[in-house]
Amino acid sequence: MKILLKLISLVGLAMSIFPPILFFLGKMELSSMKLWMGIGMVVWMISAPFWINKPSEQ
């Protein structure tokens, strides 16, 4: 479960990082960039607290 949460968090983080790069390169419009960044932010904020700063299960 923890690995799945990490994967979801990283996808959300990528959705927050790549749209501004695509916008800068002229491959994405401003409204689309804002939408994808907003979705990525929500995904990251919901999924990351469940695994960050938790002891690892070994």
PDB file of N, CA and C in Angstrom:
ATOM      1  N   MET A   1       0.826  -1.199   0.000  1.00  0.00           N
ATOM      2  CA  MET A   1       0.000   0.000   0.000  1.00  0.00           C
ATOM      3  C   MET A   1       0.867   1.258   0.000  1.00  0.00           C
ATOM      4  N   LYS A   2       1.967   1.201   0.767  1.00  0.00           N
ATOM      5  CA  LYS A   2       2.827   2.365   0.848  1.00  0.00           C
ATOM      6  C   LYS A   2       3.481   2.667  -0.503  1.00  0.00           C
ATOM      7  N   ILE A   3       3.830   1.619  -1.241  1.00  0.00           N
ATOM      8  CA  ILE A   3       4.431   1.811  -2.559  1.00  0.00           C
ATOM      9  C   ILE A   3       3.426   2.449  -3.513  1.00  0.00           C
ATOM     10  N   LEU A   4       2.174   2.036  -3.426  1.00  0.00           N
ATOM     11  CA  LEU A   4       1.127   2.623  -4.262  1.00  0.00           C
ATOM     12  C   LEU A   4       0.941   4.105  -3.940  1.00  0.00           C
ATOM     13  N   LEU A   5       0.955   4.449  -2.660  1.00  0.00           N
ATOM     14  CA  LEU A   5       0.826   5.856  -2.265  1.00  0.00           C
ATOM     15  C   LEU A   5       2.004   6.680  -2.766  1.00  0.00           C
ATOM     16  N   LYS A   6       3.204   6.119  -2.717  1.00  0.00           N
ATOM     17  CA  LYS A   6       4.369   6.829  -3.236  1.00  0.00           C
ATOM     18  C   LYS A   6       4.237   7.062  -4.737  1.00  0.00           C
ATOM     19  N   LEU A   7       3.768   6.057  -5.447  1.00  0.00           N
ATOM     20  CA  LEU A   7       3.592   6.184  -6.891  1.00  0.00           C
ATOM     21  C   LEU A   7       2.558   7.258  -7.225  1.00  0.00           C
ATOM     22  N   ILE A   8       1.440   7.243  -6.510  1.00  0.00           N
ATOM     23  CA  ILE A   8       0.394   8.259  -6.725  1.00  0.00           C
ATOM     24  C   ILE A   8       0.929   9.650  -6.407  1.00  0.00           C
ATOM     25  N   SER A   9       1.701   9.761  -5.333  1.00  0.00           N
ATOM     26  CA  SER A   9       2.283  11.048  -4.958  1.00  0.00           C
ATOM     27  C   SER A   9       3.238  11.559  -6.023  1.00  0.00           C
ATOM     28  N   LEU A  10       4.051  10.676  -6.552  1.00  0.00           N
ATOM     29  CA  LEU A  10       5.002  11.097  -7.582  1.00  0.00           C
ATOM     30  C   LEU A  10       4.299  11.508  -8.868  1.00  0.00           C
ATOM     31  N   VAL A  11       3.207  10.845  -9.193  1.00  0.00           N
ATOM     32  CA  VAL A  11       2.416  11.252 -10.362  1.00  0.00           C
ATOM     33  C   VAL A  11       1.840  12.649 -10.128  1.00  0.00           C
ATOM     34  N   GLY A  12       1.323  12.897  -8.930  1.00  0.00           N
ATOM     35  CA  GLY A  12       0.809  14.227  -8.606  1.00  0.00           C
ATOM     36  C   GLY A  12       1.892  15.291  -8.653  1.00  0.00           C
ATOM     37  N   LEU A  13       3.079  14.937  -8.172  1.00  0.00           N
ATOM     38  CA  LEU A  13       4.193  15.879  -8.215  1.00  0.00           C
ATOM     39  C   LEU A  13       4.609  16.173  -9.659  1.00  0.00           C
ATOM     40  N   ALA A  14       4.624  15.139 -10.489  1.00  0.00           N
ATOM     41  CA  ALA A  14       4.950  15.336 -11.901  1.00  0.00           C
ATOM     42  C   ALA A  14       3.903  16.213 -12.587  1.00  0.00           C
ATOM     43  N   MET A  15       2.639  16.051 -12.182  1.00  0.00           N
ATOM     44  CA  MET A  15       1.571  16.874 -12.758  1.00  0.00           C
ATOM     45  C   MET A  15       1.690  18.330 -12.309  1.00  0.00           C
ATOM     46  N   SER A  16       2.465  18.590 -11.280  1.00  0.00           N
ATOM     47  CA  SER A  16       2.694  19.960 -10.828  1.00  0.00           C
ATOM     48  C   SER A  16       3.954  20.561 -11.440  1.00  0.00           C
ATOM     49  N   ILE A  17       4.865  19.710 -11.906  1.00  0.00           N
ATOM     50  CA  ILE A  17       6.145  20.190 -12.418  1.00  0.00           C
ATOM     51  C   ILE A  17       6.151  20.346 -13.943  1.00  0.00           C
ATOM     52  N   PHE A  18       5.626  19.365 -14.658  1.00  0.00           N
ATOM     53  CA  PHE A  18       5.750  19.370 -16.115  1.00  0.00           C
ATOM     54  C   PHE A  18       4.861  20.378 -16.849  1.00  0.00           C
ATOM     55  N   PRO A  19       3.651  20.687 -16.404  1.00  0.00           N
ATOM     56  CA  PRO A  19       2.859  21.676 -17.145  1.00  0.00           C
ATOM     57  C   PRO A  19       3.510  23.049 -17.295  1.00  0.00           C
ATOM     58  N   PRO A  20       4.188  23.600 -16.265  1.00  0.00           N
ATOM     59  CA  PRO A  20       4.845  24.892 -16.509  1.00  0.00           C
ATOM     60  C   PRO A  20       5.967  24.800 -17.547  1.00  0.00           C
ATOM     61  N   ILE A  21       6.655  23.660 -17.571  1.00  0.00           N
ATOM     62  CA  ILE A  21       7.702  23.474 -18.571  1.00  0.00           C
ATOM     63  C   ILE A  21       7.080  23.441 -19.970  1.00  0.00           C
ATOM     64  N   LEU A  22       5.977  22.691 -20.100  1.00  0.00           N
ATOM     65  CA  LEU A  22       5.296  22.631 -21.393  1.00  0.00           C
ATOM     66  C   LEU A  22       4.739  23.993 -21.799  1.00  0.00           C
ATOM     67  N   PHE A  23       4.245  24.754 -20.833  1.00  0.00           N
ATOM     68  CA  PHE A  23       3.751  26.098 -21.117  1.00  0.00           C
ATOM     69  C   PHE A  23       4.896  26.995 -21.601  1.00  0.00           C
ATOM     70  N   PHE A  24       6.030  26.897 -20.936  1.00  0.00           N
ATOM     71  CA  PHE A  24       7.193  27.694 -21.320  1.00  0.00           C
ATOM     72  C   PHE A  24       7.642  27.368 -22.740  1.00  0.00           C
ATOM     73  N   LEU A  25       7.557  26.097 -23.097  1.00  0.00           N
ATOM     74  CA  LEU A  25       7.963  25.678 -24.443  1.00  0.00           C
ATOM     75  C   LEU A  25       6.893  25.943 -25.502  1.00  0.00           C
ATOM     76  N   GLY A  26       5.721  26.426 -25.069  1.00  0.00           N
ATOM     77  CA  GLY A  26       4.652  26.750 -26.004  1.00  0.00           C
ATOM     78  C   GLY A  26       3.807  25.554 -26.401  1.00  0.00           C
ATOM     79  N   LYS A  27       3.865  24.477 -25.661  1.00  0.00           N
ATOM     80  CA  LYS A  27       3.122  23.259 -25.986  1.00  0.00           C
ATOM     81  C   LYS A  27       1.794  23.160 -25.241  1.00  0.00           C
ATOM     82  N   MET A  28       1.540  24.082 -24.318  1.00  0.00           N
ATOM     83  CA  MET A  28       0.322  24.032 -23.506  1.00  0.00           C
ATOM     84  C   MET A  28      -0.179  25.450 -23.268  1.00  0.00           C
ATOM     85  N   GLU A  29      -1.489  25.589 -23.209  1.00  0.00           N
ATOM     86  CA  GLU A  29      -2.081  26.898 -22.938  1.00  0.00           C
ATOM     87  C   GLU A  29      -2.128  27.161 -21.436  1.00  0.00           C
ATOM     88  N   LEU A  30      -2.303  28.417 -21.075  1.00  0.00           N
ATOM     89  CA  LEU A  30      -2.298  28.818 -19.677  1.00  0.00           C
ATOM     90  C   LEU A  30      -3.412  28.145 -18.878  1.00  0.00           C
ATOM     91  N   SER A  31      -4.612  28.097 -19.427  1.00  0.00           N
ATOM     92  CA  SER A  31      -5.733  27.497 -18.692  1.00  0.00           C
ATOM     93  C   SER A  31      -5.520  26.002 -18.463  1.00  0.00           C
ATOM     94  N   SER A  32      -4.972  25.306 -19.448  1.00  0.00           N
ATOM     95  CA  SER A  32      -4.677  23.880 -19.291  1.00  0.00           C
ATOM     96  C   SER A  32      -3.590  23.672 -18.244  1.00  0.00           C
ATOM     97  N   MET A  33      -2.579  24.526 -18.266  1.00  0.00           N
ATOM     98  CA  MET A  33      -1.500  24.423 -17.294  1.00  0.00           C
ATOM     99  C   MET A  33      -2.035  24.575 -15.874  1.00  0.00           C
ATOM    100  N   LYS A  34      -2.880  25.571 -15.675  1.00  0.00           N
ATOM    101  CA  LYS A  34      -3.450  25.794 -14.342  1.00  0.00           C
ATOM    102  C   LYS A  34      -4.293  24.612 -13.890  1.00  0.00           C
ATOM    103  N   LEU A  35      -5.057  24.050 -14.798  1.00  0.00           N
ATOM    104  CA  LEU A  35      -5.892  22.895 -14.466  1.00  0.00           C
ATOM    105  C   LEU A  35      -5.042  21.705 -14.040  1.00  0.00           C
ATOM    106  N   TRP A  36      -4.034  21.341 -14.854  1.00  0.00           N
ATOM    107  CA  TRP A  36      -3.194  20.183 -14.544  1.00  0.00           C
ATOM    108  C   TRP A  36      -2.377  20.406 -13.286  1.00  0.00           C
ATOM    109  N   MET A  37      -1.903  21.626 -13.059  1.00  0.00           N
ATOM    110  CA  MET A  37      -1.160  21.910 -11.832  1.00  0.00           C
ATOM    111  C   MET A  37      -2.060  21.819 -10.611  1.00  0.00           C
ATOM    112  N   GLY A  38      -3.294  22.277 -10.742  1.00  0.00           N
ATOM    113  CA  GLY A  38      -4.243  22.185  -9.628  1.00  0.00           C
ATOM    114  C   GLY A  38      -4.576  20.743  -9.280  1.00  0.00           C
ATOM    115  N   ILE A  39      -4.797  19.935 -10.297  1.00  0.00           N
ATOM    116  CA  ILE A  39      -5.083  18.518 -10.063  1.00  0.00           C
ATOM    117  C   ILE A  39      -3.866  17.843  -9.425  1.00  0.00           C
ATOM    118  N   GLY A  40      -2.685  18.139  -9.943  1.00  0.00           N
ATOM    119  CA  GLY A  40      -1.468  17.560  -9.385  1.00  0.00           C
ATOM    120  C   GLY A  40      -1.249  17.958  -7.946  1.00  0.00           C
ATOM    121  N   MET A  41      -1.530  19.214  -7.620  1.00  0.00           N
ATOM    122  CA  MET A  41      -1.375  19.690  -6.252  1.00  0.00           C
ATOM    123  C   MET A  41      -2.314  18.941  -5.304  1.00  0.00           C
ATOM    124  N   VAL A  42      -3.545  18.769  -5.713  1.00  0.00           N
ATOM    125  CA  VAL A  42      -4.522  18.077  -4.875  1.00  0.00           C
ATOM    126  C   VAL A  42      -4.112  16.615  -4.678  1.00  0.00           C
ATOM    127  N   VAL A  43      -3.686  15.959  -5.759  1.00  0.00           N
ATOM    128  CA  VAL A  43      -3.258  14.557  -5.651  1.00  0.00           C
ATOM    129  C   VAL A  43      -2.066  14.437  -4.712  1.00  0.00           C
ATOM    130  N   TRP A  44      -1.097  15.331  -4.846  1.00  0.00           N
ATOM    131  CA  TRP A  44       0.087  15.294  -3.985  1.00  0.00           C
ATOM    132  C   TRP A  44      -0.293  15.546  -2.521  1.00  0.00           C
ATOM    133  N   MET A  45      -1.101  16.555  -2.279  1.00  0.00           N
ATOM    134  CA  MET A  45      -1.459  16.909  -0.898  1.00  0.00           C
ATOM    135  C   MET A  45      -2.306  15.837  -0.212  1.00  0.00           C
ATOM    136  N   ILE A  46      -3.070  15.101  -0.975  1.00  0.00           N
ATOM    137  CA  ILE A  46      -3.893  14.051  -0.380  1.00  0.00           C
ATOM    138  C   ILE A  46      -3.082  12.783  -0.124  1.00  0.00           C
ATOM    139  N   SER A  47      -2.187  12.433  -1.038  1.00  0.00           N
ATOM    140  CA  SER A  47      -1.498  11.146  -0.922  1.00  0.00           C
ATOM    141  C   SER A  47      -0.177  11.202  -0.154  1.00  0.00           C
ATOM    142  N   ALA A  48       0.544  12.289  -0.201  1.00  0.00           N
ATOM    143  CA  ALA A  48       1.873  12.344   0.412  1.00  0.00           C
ATOM    144  C   ALA A  48       1.879  12.230   1.941  1.00  0.00           C
ATOM    145  N   PRO A  49       0.958  12.833   2.670  1.00  0.00           N
ATOM    146  CA  PRO A  49       1.039  12.749   4.134  1.00  0.00           C
ATOM    147  C   PRO A  49       0.938  11.334   4.697  1.00  0.00           C
ATOM    148  N   PHE A  50       0.417  10.408   3.922  1.00  0.00           N
ATOM    149  CA  PHE A  50       0.264   9.047   4.420  1.00  0.00           C
ATOM    150  C   PHE A  50       1.564   8.260   4.419  1.00  0.00           C
ATOM    151  N   TRP A  51       2.599   8.726   3.716  1.00  0.00           N
ATOM    152  CA  TRP A  51       3.848   7.973   3.707  1.00  0.00           C
ATOM    153  C   TRP A  51       5.067   8.798   4.089  1.00  0.00           C
ATOM    154  N   ILE A  52       5.002  10.107   4.023  1.00  0.00           N
ATOM    155  CA  ILE A  52       6.148  10.935   4.396  1.00  0.00           C
ATOM    156  C   ILE A  52       6.284  10.943   5.920  1.00  0.00           C
ATOM    157  N   ASN A  53       7.507  10.813   6.379  1.00  0.00           N
ATOM    158  CA  ASN A  53       7.867  10.810   7.817  1.00  0.00           C
ATOM    159  C   ASN A  53       7.239   9.673   8.594  1.00  0.00           C
ATOM    160  N   LYS A  54       6.937   8.595   7.918  1.00  0.00           N
ATOM    161  CA  LYS A  54       6.451   7.397   8.595  1.00  0.00           C
ATOM    162  C   LYS A  54       7.599   6.397   8.637  1.00  0.00           C
ATOM    163  N   PRO A  55       7.728   5.639   9.714  1.00  0.00           N
ATOM    164  CA  PRO A  55       8.786   4.628   9.754  1.00  0.00           C
ATOM    165  C   PRO A  55       8.571   3.581   8.668  1.00  0.00           C
ATOM    166  N   SER A  56       9.649   3.178   8.031  1.00  0.00           N
ATOM    167  CA  SER A  56       9.526   2.188   6.957  1.00  0.00           C
ATOM    168  C   SER A  56       9.311   0.798   7.534  1.00  0.00           C
ATOM    169  N   GLU A  57       8.533   0.014   6.820  1.00  0.00           N
ATOM    170  CA  GLU A  57       8.210  -1.344   7.260  1.00  0.00           C
ATOM    171  C   GLU A  57       9.230  -2.295   6.662  1.00  0.00           C
ATOM    172  N   GLN A  58      10.140  -2.808   7.491  1.00  0.00           N
ATOM    173  CA  GLN A  58      11.163  -3.719   6.980  1.00  0.00           C
ATOM    174  C   GLN A  58      11.091  -5.039   7.664  1.00  0.00           C
TER     175      GLN A  58
END
